[in-house]
Amino acid sequence: MTPAPPRRLAPDDPGFVSAVVLAETSWVLDTVYGATRAELARAMETLLSADTLMVEHSASAYRALHALRAGADFADAFITAIDRQAGCVEAVTSGKSAAKRAGMRLLR
């Protein structure tokens, strides 16, 4: 039996990128591959603007992209933006960097 050819993504049949995958992608690019802030921003923007991908919480991802360019960690800013979109007034974290750069309150 011959395997079916791989499916091609198209604007009318896009792939799906979950919020978890997007946050994890930013973390891997930063931590594992040592991407610069500019490289990470380009990668995130490329994913977000691809007409063959549907990104979960895309409006929050764009807010996180803006925060990344202003110095925040993408994943932390993305989590904060999703929280705010859901009506959460204050996000809390145990990470000092997230508290400082993503507008979260540090748990003590």
Protein backbone atom coordinates (compact mmCIF):
# COMPACT_ATOMS: atom_id res chain seq x y z
CA MET A 1 0.00 0.00 0.00
CA THR A 2 1.38 3.39 -1.00
CA PRO A 3 1.13 6.04 1.69
CA ALA A 4 -0.95 9.10 0.92
CA PRO A 5 1.03 12.21 -0.02
CA PRO A 6 1.47 14.72 2.80
CA ARG A 7 -1.36 17.19 3.18
CA ARG A 8 -0.57 20.74 2.04
CA LEU A 9 -1.76 23.56 4.23
CA ALA A 10 -3.79 26.29 2.55
CA PRO A 11 -5.66 29.41 3.66
CA ASP A 12 -8.96 27.53 3.32
CA ASP A 13 -7.50 24.48 5.12
CA PRO A 14 -5.00 25.89 7.67
CA GLY A 15 -2.94 24.12 10.27
CA PHE A 16 -3.57 24.86 13.94
CA VAL A 17 -1.01 26.19 16.44
CA SER A 18 -2.18 25.99 20.04
CA ALA A 19 -1.24 28.60 22.64
CA VAL A 20 0.87 26.00 24.46
CA VAL A 21 2.81 25.16 21.29
CA LEU A 22 3.41 28.84 20.53
CA ALA A 23 4.70 29.53 24.05
CA GLU A 24 6.85 26.39 23.97
CA THR A 25 8.25 27.33 20.55
CA SER A 26 9.39 30.70 21.88
CA TRP A 27 10.99 29.02 24.89
CA VAL A 28 12.85 26.46 22.75
CA LEU A 29 14.08 29.09 20.28
CA ASP A 30 15.36 31.18 23.17
CA THR A 31 16.70 28.53 25.54
CA VAL A 32 17.82 25.72 23.28
CA TYR A 33 18.83 27.60 20.13
CA GLY A 34 19.88 30.88 21.74
CA ALA A 35 17.81 33.04 19.40
CA THR A 36 18.27 36.76 19.85
CA ARG A 37 15.28 38.89 20.75
CA ALA A 38 15.11 40.11 17.13
CA GLU A 39 15.29 36.55 15.75
CA LEU A 40 12.61 35.40 18.16
CA ALA A 41 10.36 38.32 17.23
CA ARG A 42 10.78 37.52 13.51
CA ALA A 43 9.97 33.85 14.10
CA MET A 44 6.85 34.65 16.13
CA GLU A 45 5.70 37.24 13.60
CA THR A 46 6.21 34.75 10.76
CA LEU A 47 4.05 32.17 12.53
CA LEU A 48 1.38 34.71 13.42
CA SER A 49 1.15 36.16 9.93
CA ALA A 50 1.13 32.87 7.99
CA ASP A 51 -2.16 32.61 6.12
CA THR A 52 -1.90 28.82 6.27
CA LEU A 53 -1.90 28.70 10.08
CA MET A 54 -4.60 29.43 12.61
CA VAL A 55 -3.01 30.48 15.91
CA GLU A 56 -4.98 30.07 19.12
CA HIS A 57 -5.31 33.37 21.00
CA SER A 58 -3.71 35.24 18.10
CA ALA A 59 -4.70 38.69 19.42
CA SER A 60 -2.94 37.89 22.71
CA ALA A 61 0.05 36.56 20.77
CA TYR A 62 0.35 39.84 18.89
CA ARG A 63 0.26 41.71 22.22
CA ALA A 64 3.01 39.40 23.48
CA LEU A 65 5.02 40.07 20.32
CA HIS A 66 4.78 43.79 21.01
CA ALA A 67 5.87 43.17 24.63
CA LEU A 68 8.77 40.99 23.41
CA ARG A 69 10.01 43.85 21.26
CA ALA A 70 9.79 46.10 24.34
CA GLY A 71 11.93 43.71 26.42
CA ALA A 72 9.52 41.15 27.90
CA ASP A 73 9.72 37.39 27.65
CA PHE A 74 7.29 36.24 24.93
CA ALA A 75 5.78 33.32 26.85
CA ASP A 76 5.27 35.36 30.03
CA ALA A 77 3.71 38.22 28.08
CA PHE A 78 1.53 35.78 26.14
CA ILE A 79 0.24 34.20 29.36
CA THR A 80 -0.48 37.65 30.79
CA ALA A 81 -2.32 38.73 27.63
CA ILE A 82 -4.46 35.57 27.62
CA ASP A 83 -5.25 36.09 31.31
CA ARG A 84 -6.32 39.67 30.67
CA GLN A 85 -8.42 38.67 27.65
CA ALA A 86 -10.21 36.21 29.94
CA GLY A 87 -10.97 39.00 32.42
CA CYS A 88 -8.24 38.27 34.95
CA VAL A 89 -7.29 41.52 36.64
CA GLU A 90 -3.93 40.33 37.94
CA ALA A 91 -1.64 37.48 36.93
CA VAL A 92 0.75 36.06 39.51
CA THR A 93 4.02 34.19 39.08
CA SER A 94 6.89 32.72 41.04
CA GLY A 95 9.36 34.02 38.44
CA LYS A 96 11.06 37.33 39.20
CA SER A 97 11.64 38.07 35.52
CA ALA A 98 7.98 37.47 34.65
CA ALA A 99 6.88 39.75 37.46
CA LYS A 100 9.20 42.50 36.34
CA ARG A 101 8.84 42.29 32.55
CA ALA A 102 5.37 40.85 31.91
CA GLY A 103 3.36 42.80 34.45
CA MET A 104 2.67 39.87 36.74
CA ARG A 105 2.66 40.03 40.55
CA LEU A 106 5.43 38.07 42.24
CA LEU A 107 4.26 35.40 44.69
CA ARG A 108 6.12 35.53 47.96
